[in-house]
Amino acid sequence: MTRWSRTNQLIVAAAERLGARALPLGSRHTDYFVRLVHGERSVIVSKTRSPFLTQVAQGLANNKHVGRELLAAHGVPCVPDLLLDEGDDPRGPTVAAMLAQHGRVVVKPNWGNRGVGVTTDVRTLERLVRARARARALDLDEEVVVEPFVAGTNLRVAVIGGCFAAACEVQRPLLRAGLAIAAQVAAWNEDPRRGSWDAPGLQPLDRIEAEEDLAAQLAVYGLKLGGVVPEGLEIEVTTEESAVIDRSEALHAGWIAIAERACGLLGVDVGGVDLRGPIDAFMRAPEPAWRPGGACLLEVNVLPALHLHALPTEGAPRPVFDAFVAYCLQLPGAPSPCAQVRV
């Protein structure tokens, strides 16, 4: 029996509902590819990447700095950022000026995904230097982006075949001050909604492997897994979720249009658009440009975590995998391929 990850289990089930088949690819099983078959039509998908996605589109979206710069030039309200390559001085005047202007910044790999290597709420130059070293070590080209810290919550918008499919609020676990770090992580992992990579199921959340990215994140703050979070500090665990709340019906049409347009400009036909800001900002029309305290677009992901919408912890599940399979196989009623870069 083929052992699939959670994402591919959901793809297999969706294919069956639509009268199609999802098959392993190759003589030795790899979870990275699935062949979808319907009648005489056969396509290969890579997790939630469609068969139409181009390498150029994927590269543009993966490069946070370039992607934002291009989108902002087309009127998309993106968070501004500062790009640091391997030759830039993280203690230089430009970095210091950004930190002084905003007070709190976020440091992340320019080519990162799933929150790996991200340090939020950086308030001192020394911590910024350590966060930059961590992010640089994980980046494809040793590039790092520094951006203003945007207060509020994370909103993920799914776009499939260029069309809005679902939206959800993604809340992250927070390590609280005055409490042992290991004890907090252990308590989170007691949640029966968390599944394991060793035995993938359809749990909506993942078990937190503290020895992986979290340990490196803590080191930026001068902390270890066996320590206690000091007073005055709260650490967001950027790689995991604590709650996923469906917001598909509440999201304002203006933000839906921004998500669809951002994907279309970059040529991302199946994307996960990350928005951030106060939750009520997404229930009203967006402003033409980002301002401190407002909401904005952070990035477009070419490997969207569609399971967030299919398996929310609160609210109605959305049929995003059915929409994905129908689009990839070009079943009747599905949108036409739309993976042309338009920036």
Foldseek 3Di string as FASTA:
>chain_A
DDAEFQLVVLLQVLQVVVQKGWAADDPDGDNQKIWIGDPPFIAIAGRLFFRQADPQLQVLQLQQQNLVVVLVVVQAAEFHKDKDAPPDDLPDPVNVVVLVVQQWKKKAARRDDLQFLIFGGDRDSQLVVLSLVSRLVVHPRSMMIITHHADAWKKKWKFAQLATFFMKTFAFDKQDAPDQQLVSLVVLQVPPLADEPVRHDLRLWHRDPCVPRVQSNVVSVVDGNRGGHHPPDMGTPRNTTPFIATCGPQFDVQVRVSLSVSCLQSLQNTKMWMKGAHPVLRNDHHDSYDDHRGIHTRGIHSNDPLSSQQHGPYDDRTSVSSLSSCASSVPPPHHDRRRDNND
